[in-house]
Amino acid sequence: MSRLLDVPAGCPETLSADSIEAMEQQLAEATTLMQRLRCH
């Protein structure tokens, strides 16, 4: 998990709250998709 949060030395602002929120949304969508596939 910590590797996901590593940012380049020159870009401390790379992981803004928006990008973290977008990652969490993608993770939630992927989890939903996996659950849906498992049901069929």
C-alpha atoms as a PDB file:
ATOM      1  CA  MET A   1       0.000   0.000   0.000  1.00  0.00           C
ATOM      2  CA  SER A   2       2.800   2.401   0.867  1.00  0.00           C
ATOM      3  CA  ARG A   3       4.289   1.868  -2.595  1.00  0.00           C
ATOM      4  CA  LEU A   4       1.107   3.310  -4.108  1.00  0.00           C
ATOM      5  CA  LEU A   5       1.687   6.510  -2.164  1.00  0.00           C
ATOM      6  CA  ASP A   6       5.321   6.958  -3.226  1.00  0.00           C
ATOM      7  CA  VAL A   7       5.709  10.160  -5.241  1.00  0.00           C
ATOM      8  CA  PRO A   8       8.647  11.439  -7.303  1.00  0.00           C
ATOM      9  CA  ALA A   9      11.001  13.633  -5.286  1.00  0.00           C
ATOM     10  CA  GLY A  10      10.201  16.728  -7.353  1.00  0.00           C
ATOM     11  CA  CYS A  11       6.417  16.275  -7.231  1.00  0.00           C
ATOM     12  CA  PRO A  12       5.165  16.460  -3.632  1.00  0.00           C
ATOM     13  CA  GLU A  13       1.699  17.493  -4.829  1.00  0.00           C
ATOM     14  CA  THR A  14       1.248  14.563  -7.203  1.00  0.00           C
ATOM     15  CA  LEU A  15      -1.146  12.739  -4.884  1.00  0.00           C
ATOM     16  CA  SER A  16      -3.783  15.330  -4.162  1.00  0.00           C
ATOM     17  CA  ALA A  17      -7.018  14.532  -2.367  1.00  0.00           C
ATOM     18  CA  ASP A  18      -8.727  14.360  -5.762  1.00  0.00           C
ATOM     19  CA  SER A  19      -6.387  11.712  -7.143  1.00  0.00           C
ATOM     20  CA  ILE A  20      -6.649   9.649  -3.953  1.00  0.00           C
ATOM     21  CA  GLU A  21     -10.440   9.892  -4.163  1.00  0.00           C
ATOM     22  CA  ALA A  22     -10.309   8.823  -7.811  1.00  0.00           C
ATOM     23  CA  MET A  23      -8.150   5.814  -6.902  1.00  0.00           C
ATOM     24  CA  GLU A  24     -10.577   4.806  -4.162  1.00  0.00           C
ATOM     25  CA  GLN A  25     -13.480   5.102  -6.612  1.00  0.00           C
ATOM     26  CA  GLN A  26     -11.682   2.921  -9.165  1.00  0.00           C
ATOM     27  CA  LEU A  27     -10.948   0.369  -6.442  1.00  0.00           C
ATOM     28  CA  ALA A  28     -14.604   0.323  -5.392  1.00  0.00           C
ATOM     29  CA  GLU A  29     -15.736  -0.143  -8.996  1.00  0.00           C
ATOM     30  CA  ALA A  30     -13.247  -2.972  -9.513  1.00  0.00           C
ATOM     31  CA  THR A  31     -14.415  -4.657  -6.306  1.00  0.00           C
ATOM     32  CA  THR A  32     -18.053  -4.389  -7.416  1.00  0.00           C
ATOM     33  CA  LEU A  33     -17.167  -5.843 -10.799  1.00  0.00           C
ATOM     34  CA  MET A  34     -15.318  -8.763  -9.200  1.00  0.00           C
ATOM     35  CA  GLN A  35     -18.279  -9.492  -6.919  1.00  0.00           C
ATOM     36  CA  ARG A  36     -20.651  -9.385  -9.885  1.00  0.00           C
ATOM     37  CA  LEU A  37     -18.462 -11.776 -11.883  1.00  0.00           C
ATOM     38  CA  ARG A  38     -18.257 -14.154  -8.938  1.00  0.00           C
ATOM     39  CA  CYS A  39     -22.047 -14.368  -8.684  1.00  0.00           C
ATOM     40  CA  HIS A  40     -22.513 -15.609 -12.263  1.00  0.00           C
END
